PDB file of N, CA and C in Angstrom:
ATOM      1  N   MET A   1      80.751 119.396  27.132  1.00  0.00           N
ATOM      2  CA  MET A   1      82.091 120.203  26.840  1.00  0.00           C
ATOM      3  C   MET A   1      82.841 118.859  26.338  1.00  0.00           C
ATOM      4  N   LYS A   2      83.462 119.244  24.747  1.00  0.00           N
ATOM      5  CA  LYS A   2      84.104 118.197  24.126  1.00  0.00           C
ATOM      6  C   LYS A   2      85.480 117.995  25.006  1.00  0.00           C
ATOM      7  N   LYS A   3      85.841 116.523  24.807  1.00  0.00           N
ATOM      8  CA  LYS A   3      87.150 116.122  25.480  1.00  0.00           C
ATOM      9  C   LYS A   3      88.429 117.273  25.115  1.00  0.00           C
ATOM     10  N   THR A   4      88.447 117.743  23.730  1.00  0.00           N
ATOM     11  CA  THR A   4      89.490 118.401  23.388  1.00  0.00           C
ATOM     12  C   THR A   4      89.425 119.847  24.130  1.00  0.00           C
ATOM     13  N   ASN A   5      88.486 120.259  24.206  1.00  0.00           N
ATOM     14  CA  ASN A   5      87.995 121.530  24.877  1.00  0.00           C
ATOM     15  C   ASN A   5      88.466 121.543  26.401  1.00  0.00           C
ATOM     16  N   ILE A   6      88.094 120.272  27.066  1.00  0.00           N
ATOM     17  CA  ILE A   6      88.482 120.194  28.556  1.00  0.00           C
ATOM     18  C   ILE A   6      90.071 119.928  28.652  1.00  0.00           C
ATOM     19  N   ALA A   7      90.456 119.080  27.933  1.00  0.00           N
ATOM     20  CA  ALA A   7      91.918 119.007  27.914  1.00  0.00           C
ATOM     21  C   ALA A   7      92.931 120.686  27.565  1.00  0.00           C
ATOM     22  N   LEU A   8      92.494 121.255  26.695  1.00  0.00           N
ATOM     23  CA  LEU A   8      93.017 122.549  26.534  1.00  0.00           C
ATOM     24  C   LEU A   8      92.725 123.508  27.752  1.00  0.00           C
ATOM     25  N   ALA A   9      91.482 123.262  28.180  1.00  0.00           N
ATOM     26  CA  ALA A   9      91.172 124.434  29.494  1.00  0.00           C
ATOM     27  C   ALA A   9      92.037 123.906  30.614  1.00  0.00           C
ATOM     28  N   THR A  10      92.347 122.750  30.473  1.00  0.00           N
ATOM     29  CA  THR A  10      93.323 122.199  31.694  1.00  0.00           C
ATOM     30  C   THR A  10      94.699 122.529  31.480  1.00  0.00           C
ATOM     31  N   ALA A  11      95.085 122.521  30.119  1.00  0.00           N
ATOM     32  CA  ALA A  11      96.393 122.894  29.997  1.00  0.00           C
ATOM     33  C   ALA A  11      96.851 124.407  30.319  1.00  0.00           C
ATOM     34  N   VAL A  12      95.757 125.201  29.913  1.00  0.00           N
ATOM     35  CA  VAL A  12      95.871 126.647  29.946  1.00  0.00           C
ATOM     36  C   VAL A  12      95.837 127.212  31.502  1.00  0.00           C
ATOM     37  N   THR A  13      95.179 126.330  32.085  1.00  0.00           N
ATOM     38  CA  THR A  13      94.877 126.532  33.739  1.00  0.00           C
ATOM     39  C   THR A  13      96.245 126.169  34.288  1.00  0.00           C
ATOM     40  N   GLY A  14      96.893 125.223  33.982  1.00  0.00           N
ATOM     41  CA  GLY A  14      98.057 124.719  34.232  1.00  0.00           C
ATOM     42  C   GLY A  14      99.195 125.681  34.059  1.00  0.00           C
ATOM     43  N   LEU A  15      99.304 126.358  32.753  1.00  0.00           N
ATOM     44  CA  LEU A  15     100.344 127.182  32.561  1.00  0.00           C
ATOM     45  C   LEU A  15     100.283 128.564  33.389  1.00  0.00           C
ATOM     46  N   ILE A  16      98.884 128.979  33.517  1.00  0.00           N
ATOM     47  CA  ILE A  16      98.795 130.270  34.192  1.00  0.00           C
ATOM     48  C   ILE A  16      99.250 129.827  35.769  1.00  0.00           C
ATOM     49  N   ALA A  17      98.849 128.810  36.149  1.00  0.00           N
ATOM     50  CA  ALA A  17      99.427 128.655  37.776  1.00  0.00           C
ATOM     51  C   ALA A  17     100.984 128.603  37.611  1.00  0.00           C
ATOM     52  N   LEU A  18     101.428 127.874  36.690  1.00  0.00           N
ATOM     53  CA  LEU A  18     102.885 127.734  36.659  1.00  0.00           C
ATOM     54  C   LEU A  18     103.635 129.480  36.581  1.00  0.00           C
ATOM     55  N   ALA A  19     103.013 130.034  35.796  1.00  0.00           N
ATOM     56  CA  ALA A  19     103.545 131.211  35.516  1.00  0.00           C
ATOM     57  C   ALA A  19     103.465 132.228  36.914  1.00  0.00           C
ATOM     58  N   GLY A  20     102.382 132.094  37.535  1.00  0.00           N
ATOM     59  CA  GLY A  20     102.068 132.958  38.758  1.00  0.00           C
ATOM     60  C   GLY A  20     103.142 132.006  39.763  1.00  0.00           C
ATOM     61  N   THR A  21     103.321 130.974  39.708  1.00  0.00           N
ATOM     62  CA  THR A  21     104.381 130.479  40.883  1.00  0.00           C
ATOM     63  C   THR A  21     105.756 131.107  40.547  1.00  0.00           C
ATOM     64  N   ALA A  22     105.996 130.988  39.194  1.00  0.00           N
ATOM     65  CA  ALA A  22     107.330 131.630  39.033  1.00  0.00           C
ATOM     66  C   ALA A  22     107.723 133.028  39.229  1.00  0.00           C
ATOM     67  N   LEU A  23     106.490 133.809  39.095  1.00  0.00           N
ATOM     68  CA  LEU A  23     106.531 135.351  39.549  1.00  0.00           C
ATOM     69  C   LEU A  23     106.733 135.433  41.015  1.00  0.00           C
ATOM     70  N   THR A  24     105.815 134.608  41.821  1.00  0.00           N
ATOM     71  CA  THR A  24     106.073 134.932  43.147  1.00  0.00           C
ATOM     72  C   THR A  24     107.409 134.425  43.688  1.00  0.00           C
ATOM     73  N   THR A  25     107.927 133.334  43.217  1.00  0.00           N
ATOM     74  CA  THR A  25     109.197 132.953  43.456  1.00  0.00           C
ATOM     75  C   THR A  25     110.327 133.897  43.362  1.00  0.00           C
ATOM     76  N   THR A  26     110.286 134.628  41.991  1.00  0.00           N
ATOM     77  CA  THR A  26     111.121 135.522  41.630  1.00  0.00           C
ATOM     78  C   THR A  26     111.248 136.666  42.834  1.00  0.00           C
ATOM     79  N   SER A  27     110.037 137.311  42.862  1.00  0.00           N
ATOM     80  CA  SER A  27     109.748 138.225  43.633  1.00  0.00           C
ATOM     81  C   SER A  27     110.397 137.908  45.230  1.00  0.00           C
ATOM     82  N   ALA A  28     109.967 136.712  45.700  1.00  0.00           N
ATOM     83  CA  ALA A  28     110.399 136.287  47.058  1.00  0.00           C
ATOM     84  C   ALA A  28     111.858 136.298  47.129  1.00  0.00           C
ATOM     85  N   VAL A  29     112.554 135.781  46.107  1.00  0.00           N
ATOM     86  CA  VAL A  29     114.005 135.829  46.232  1.00  0.00           C
ATOM     87  C   VAL A  29     114.495 137.106  46.231  1.00  0.00           C
ATOM     88  N   ALA A  30     114.190 138.203  45.495  1.00  0.00           N
ATOM     89  CA  ALA A  30     114.507 139.556  45.363  1.00  0.00           C
ATOM     90  C   ALA A  30     114.339 140.196  47.020  1.00  0.00           C
ATOM     91  N   ALA A  31     113.253 139.767  47.628  1.00  0.00           N
ATOM     92  CA  ALA A  31     112.872 140.501  48.787  1.00  0.00           C
ATOM     93  C   ALA A  31     113.841 139.684  49.818  1.00  0.00           C
ATOM     94  N   ASP A  32     114.419 138.551  49.544  1.00  0.00           N
ATOM     95  CA  ASP A  32     115.042 137.931  50.503  1.00  0.00           C
ATOM     96  C   ASP A  32     116.504 138.269  50.582  1.00  0.00           C
ATOM     97  N   ALA A  33     116.979 139.146  49.874  1.00  0.00           N
ATOM     98  CA  ALA A  33     118.348 139.840  50.015  1.00  0.00           C
ATOM     99  C   ALA A  33     118.793 140.223  51.271  1.00  0.00           C
ATOM    100  N   LYS A  34     119.823 139.670  52.062  1.00  0.00           N
ATOM    101  CA  LYS A  34     120.231 139.692  53.487  1.00  0.00           C
ATOM    102  C   LYS A  34     121.602 140.247  53.483  1.00  0.00           C
ATOM    103  N   GLU A  35     121.953 140.891  54.536  1.00  0.00           N
ATOM    104  CA  GLU A  35     123.458 141.191  54.726  1.00  0.00           C
ATOM    105  C   GLU A  35     123.840 140.688  56.170  1.00  0.00           C
ATOM    106  N   LYS A  36     125.085 140.489  56.284  1.00  0.00           N
ATOM    107  CA  LYS A  36     125.624 140.358  57.641  1.00  0.00           C
ATOM    108  C   LYS A  36     125.869 141.789  58.591  1.00  0.00           C
ATOM    109  N   CYS A  37     125.151 141.899  59.603  1.00  0.00           N
ATOM    110  CA  CYS A  37     125.260 143.067  60.389  1.00  0.00           C
ATOM    111  C   CYS A  37     126.051 142.582  61.711  1.00  0.00           C
ATOM    112  N   TYR A  38     127.313 143.155  61.956  1.00  0.00           N
ATOM    113  CA  TYR A  38     128.097 143.086  63.039  1.00  0.00           C
ATOM    114  C   TYR A  38     127.926 143.972  63.993  1.00  0.00           C
ATOM    115  N   GLY A  39     127.880 143.395  65.224  1.00  0.00           N
ATOM    116  CA  GLY A  39     127.984 144.497  66.451  1.00  0.00           C
ATOM    117  C   GLY A  39     126.542 144.734  67.181  1.00  0.00           C
ATOM    118  N   VAL A  40     125.708 143.972  66.623  1.00  0.00           N
ATOM    119  CA  VAL A  40     124.332 144.088  67.137  1.00  0.00           C
ATOM    120  C   VAL A  40     123.482 142.827  67.813  1.00  0.00           C
ATOM    121  N   ALA A  41     124.296 142.080  67.583  1.00  0.00           N
ATOM    122  CA  ALA A  41     123.629 140.635  68.105  1.00  0.00           C
ATOM    123  C   ALA A  41     123.788 140.497  69.576  1.00  0.00           C
ATOM    124  N   LYS A  42     122.588 140.060  70.291  1.00  0.00           N
ATOM    125  CA  LYS A  42     122.599 139.930  71.825  1.00  0.00           C
ATOM    126  C   LYS A  42     123.421 138.700  72.101  1.00  0.00           C
ATOM    127  N   ALA A  43     123.715 138.667  73.109  1.00  0.00           N
ATOM    128  CA  ALA A  43     124.648 137.414  73.780  1.00  0.00           C
ATOM    129  C   ALA A  43     124.021 136.205  73.487  1.00  0.00           C
ATOM    130  N   GLY A  44     124.624 135.367  72.803  1.00  0.00           N
ATOM    131  CA  GLY A  44     123.956 133.946  72.469  1.00  0.00           C
ATOM    132  C   GLY A  44     123.230 133.890  71.476  1.00  0.00           C
ATOM    133  N   LYS A  45     122.904 135.203  70.766  1.00  0.00           N
ATOM    134  CA  LYS A  45     121.828 135.062  69.475  1.00  0.00           C
ATOM    135  C   LYS A  45     122.475 135.375  68.172  1.00  0.00           C
ATOM    136  N   ASN A  46     123.875 135.132  68.158  1.00  0.00           N
ATOM    137  CA  ASN A  46     124.486 135.431  66.657  1.00  0.00           C
ATOM    138  C   ASN A  46     124.137 134.423  65.699  1.00  0.00           C
ATOM    139  N   ASP A  47     124.233 134.622  64.661  1.00  0.00           N
ATOM    140  CA  ASP A  47     123.724 133.590  63.559  1.00  0.00           C
ATOM    141  C   ASP A  47     124.791 132.629  63.137  1.00  0.00           C
ATOM    142  N   CYS A  48     125.924 132.951  63.157  1.00  0.00           N
ATOM    143  CA  CYS A  48     127.151 131.865  63.005  1.00  0.00           C
ATOM    144  C   CYS A  48     128.347 131.932  63.494  1.00  0.00           C
ATOM    145  N   ALA A  49     129.365 131.270  63.299  1.00  0.00           N
ATOM    146  CA  ALA A  49     130.635 131.400  63.973  1.00  0.00           C
ATOM    147  C   ALA A  49     131.249 132.855  63.953  1.00  0.00           C
ATOM    148  N   THR A  50     132.049 132.981  64.986  1.00  0.00           N
ATOM    149  CA  THR A  50     132.811 134.235  65.151  1.00  0.00           C
ATOM    150  C   THR A  50     134.302 133.927  65.345  1.00  0.00           C
ATOM    151  N   LYS A  51     135.187 134.886  65.762  1.00  0.00           N
ATOM    152  CA  LYS A  51     136.704 134.593  65.807  1.00  0.00           C
ATOM    153  C   LYS A  51     136.778 133.727  67.086  1.00  0.00           C
ATOM    154  N   THR A  52     135.951 134.087  68.053  1.00  0.00           N
ATOM    155  CA  THR A  52     136.219 133.483  69.230  1.00  0.00           C
ATOM    156  C   THR A  52     135.222 132.132  69.567  1.00  0.00           C
ATOM    157  N   GLY A  53     134.449 131.878  68.673  1.00  0.00           N
ATOM    158  CA  GLY A  53     133.159 130.869  68.762  1.00  0.00           C
ATOM    159  C   GLY A  53     133.140 130.103  67.800  1.00  0.00           C
ATOM    160  N   SER A  54     132.789 128.851  67.356  1.00  0.00           N
ATOM    161  CA  SER A  54     132.893 128.157  66.393  1.00  0.00           C
ATOM    162  C   SER A  54     131.416 127.711  65.833  1.00  0.00           C
ATOM    163  N   CYS A  55     130.418 128.269  66.481  1.00  0.00           N
ATOM    164  CA  CYS A  55     128.939 128.074  65.904  1.00  0.00           C
ATOM    165  C   CYS A  55     128.048 129.164  66.232  1.00  0.00           C
ATOM    166  N   ALA A  56     127.016 129.040  65.809  1.00  0.00           N
ATOM    167  CA  ALA A  56     125.805 130.297  65.941  1.00  0.00           C
ATOM    168  C   ALA A  56     125.484 130.218  67.438  1.00  0.00           C
ATOM    169  N   GLY A  57     125.169 131.130  67.822  1.00  0.00           N
ATOM    170  CA  GLY A  57     124.706 131.256  69.318  1.00  0.00           C
ATOM    171  C   GLY A  57     125.815 131.146  70.540  1.00  0.00           C
ATOM    172  N   THR A  58     126.832 131.551  69.833  1.00  0.00           N
ATOM    173  CA  THR A  58     128.267 131.573  70.934  1.00  0.00           C
ATOM    174  C   THR A  58     128.829 133.153  71.237  1.00  0.00           C
ATOM    175  N   ALA A  59     128.193 133.867  70.950  1.00  0.00           N
ATOM    176  CA  ALA A  59     128.520 135.255  71.230  1.00  0.00           C
ATOM    177  C   ALA A  59     128.284 135.535  72.863  1.00  0.00           C
ATOM    178  N   LYS A  60     129.434 135.840  73.485  1.00  0.00           N
ATOM    179  CA  LYS A  60     129.521 136.244  74.821  1.00  0.00           C
ATOM    180  C   LYS A  60     128.929 137.266  75.570  1.00  0.00           C
ATOM    181  N   THR A  61     128.737 138.229  74.675  1.00  0.00           N
ATOM    182  CA  THR A  61     128.469 139.561  75.039  1.00  0.00           C
ATOM    183  C   THR A  61     127.391 140.308  74.225  1.00  0.00           C
ATOM    184  N   ASP A  62     126.632 141.277  74.615  1.00  0.00           N
ATOM    185  CA  ASP A  62     125.591 141.770  73.936  1.00  0.00           C
ATOM    186  C   ASP A  62     126.969 142.823  72.952  1.00  0.00           C
ATOM    187  N   GLY A  63     126.261 142.950  71.673  1.00  0.00           N
ATOM    188  CA  GLY A  63     127.229 143.926  70.751  1.00  0.00           C
ATOM    189  C   GLY A  63     128.403 143.411  70.608  1.00  0.00           C
ATOM    190  N   GLN A  64     128.846 142.167  70.618  1.00  0.00           N
ATOM    191  CA  GLN A  64     130.116 141.595  70.311  1.00  0.00           C
ATOM    192  C   GLN A  64     130.641 141.967  68.849  1.00  0.00           C
ATOM    193  N   LYS A  65     131.515 142.574  68.699  1.00  0.00           N
ATOM    194  CA  LYS A  65     131.785 143.281  67.462  1.00  0.00           C
ATOM    195  C   LYS A  65     132.202 142.213  66.308  1.00  0.00           C
ATOM    196  N   ASP A  66     132.468 141.013  66.570  1.00  0.00           N
ATOM    197  CA  ASP A  66     132.875 139.982  65.381  1.00  0.00           C
ATOM    198  C   ASP A  66     131.788 139.179  65.383  1.00  0.00           C
ATOM    199  N   ALA A  67     130.445 139.172  66.078  1.00  0.00           N
ATOM    200  CA  ALA A  67     129.347 138.372  65.874  1.00  0.00           C
ATOM    201  C   ALA A  67     128.441 139.110  65.050  1.00  0.00           C
ATOM    202  N   PHE A  68     127.791 138.448  64.323  1.00  0.00           N
ATOM    203  CA  PHE A  68     126.744 139.131  63.347  1.00  0.00           C
ATOM    204  C   PHE A  68     125.362 138.283  63.182  1.00  0.00           C
ATOM    205  N   VAL A  69     124.388 138.912  62.870  1.00  0.00           N
ATOM    206  CA  VAL A  69     122.925 138.600  62.491  1.00  0.00           C
ATOM    207  C   VAL A  69     122.710 138.799  61.302  1.00  0.00           C
ATOM    208  N   LEU A  70     121.886 138.047  60.331  1.00  0.00           N
ATOM    209  CA  LEU A  70     121.427 138.497  59.093  1.00  0.00           C
ATOM    210  C   LEU A  70     120.138 139.355  59.142  1.00  0.00           C
ATOM    211  N   VAL A  71     120.316 140.467  58.397  1.00  0.00           N
ATOM    212  CA  VAL A  71     119.257 141.604  58.319  1.00  0.00           C
ATOM    213  C   VAL A  71     118.943 141.826  56.993  1.00  0.00           C
ATOM    214  N   PRO A  72     117.820 142.245  56.444  1.00  0.00           N
ATOM    215  CA  PRO A  72     117.477 142.994  55.327  1.00  0.00           C
ATOM    216  C   PRO A  72     118.528 143.924  54.766  1.00  0.00           C
ATOM    217  N   LYS A  73     118.908 143.499  53.468  1.00  0.00           N
ATOM    218  CA  LYS A  73     120.035 144.686  52.934  1.00  0.00           C
ATOM    219  C   LYS A  73     119.596 146.018  53.159  1.00  0.00           C
ATOM    220  N   GLY A  74     120.180 146.919  53.697  1.00  0.00           N
ATOM    221  CA  GLY A  74     120.216 148.160  53.882  1.00  0.00           C
ATOM    222  C   GLY A  74     119.716 148.517  55.200  1.00  0.00           C
ATOM    223  N   LEU A  75     119.465 147.638  56.165  1.00  0.00           N
ATOM    224  CA  LEU A  75     119.041 147.801  57.535  1.00  0.00           C
ATOM    225  C   LEU A  75     120.307 148.112  58.566  1.00  0.00           C
ATOM    226  N   CYS A  76     121.272 147.407  58.433  1.00  0.00           N
ATOM    227  CA  CYS A  76     122.513 147.285  59.111  1.00  0.00           C
ATOM    228  C   CYS A  76     122.918 148.740  59.520  1.00  0.00           C
ATOM    229  N   ASP A  77     122.960 149.690  58.388  1.00  0.00           N
ATOM    230  CA  ASP A  77     123.517 151.031  58.433  1.00  0.00           C
ATOM    231  C   ASP A  77     122.587 151.759  59.303  1.00  0.00           C
ATOM    232  N   LYS A  78     121.468 151.533  59.696  1.00  0.00           N
ATOM    233  CA  LYS A  78     120.376 152.247  60.247  1.00  0.00           C
ATOM    234  C   LYS A  78     120.455 151.903  61.972  1.00  0.00           C
ATOM    235  N   LEU A  79     121.025 150.682  62.159  1.00  0.00           N
ATOM    236  CA  LEU A  79     120.930 150.112  63.544  1.00  0.00           C
ATOM    237  C   LEU A  79     122.116 150.740  64.379  1.00  0.00           C
ATOM    238  N   ALA A  80     121.947 151.237  65.752  1.00  0.00           N
ATOM    239  CA  ALA A  80     122.920 151.827  66.560  1.00  0.00           C
ATOM    240  C   ALA A  80     124.167 150.510  66.700  1.00  0.00           C
ATOM    241  N   GLY A  81     125.183 150.866  66.349  1.00  0.00           N
ATOM    242  CA  GLY A  81     126.333 150.153  66.648  1.00  0.00           C
ATOM    243  C   GLY A  81     126.549 149.031  65.402  1.00  0.00           C
ATOM    244  N   GLY A  82     125.484 149.031  64.407  1.00  0.00           N
ATOM    245  CA  GLY A  82     125.719 148.132  63.411  1.00  0.00           C
ATOM    246  C   GLY A  82     126.817 148.374  62.149  1.00  0.00           C
ATOM    247  N   SER A  83     127.651 147.236  61.907  1.00  0.00           N
ATOM    248  CA  SER A  83     128.316 147.444  60.805  1.00  0.00           C
ATOM    249  C   SER A  83     128.468 146.353  59.854  1.00  0.00           C
ATOM    250  N   THR A  84     128.637 146.578  58.362  1.00  0.00           N
ATOM    251  CA  THR A  84     128.565 145.457  57.489  1.00  0.00           C
ATOM    252  C   THR A  84     130.105 144.655  57.529  1.00  0.00           C
ATOM    253  N   GLU A  85     131.048 145.172  58.368  1.00  0.00           N
ATOM    254  CA  GLU A  85     132.244 144.681  58.452  1.00  0.00           C
ATOM    255  C   GLU A  85     132.723 144.139  59.987  1.00  0.00           C
ATOM    256  N   ALA A  86     133.094 143.110  60.225  1.00  0.00           N
ATOM    257  CA  ALA A  86     133.630 142.870  61.551  1.00  0.00           C
ATOM    258  C   ALA A  86     134.832 143.600  62.074  1.00  0.00           C
ATOM    259  N   LYS A  87     134.739 144.136  63.105  1.00  0.00           N
ATOM    260  CA  LYS A  87     135.866 145.056  63.858  1.00  0.00           C
ATOM    261  C   LYS A  87     136.604 144.209  64.714  1.00  0.00           C
TER     262      LYS A  87
END
């Protein structure tokens, strides 16, 4: 194979790989849409600060109304006691 053909084949392969990576990254970002779901976290399993605690993991009771966990968008409304707003 000639040197120019090898260089061209390498360049085309690289562009195809780059395009595949871009498509995978774009769909991963879209699939990664999350929302805060209040009132469903177990004690000590919340994702971030609450009105009564300064960091993650500080929920004192199961289902604490101001403690949230991140869930896929649209799932919170289906969970018993779940709300997208703190109460």
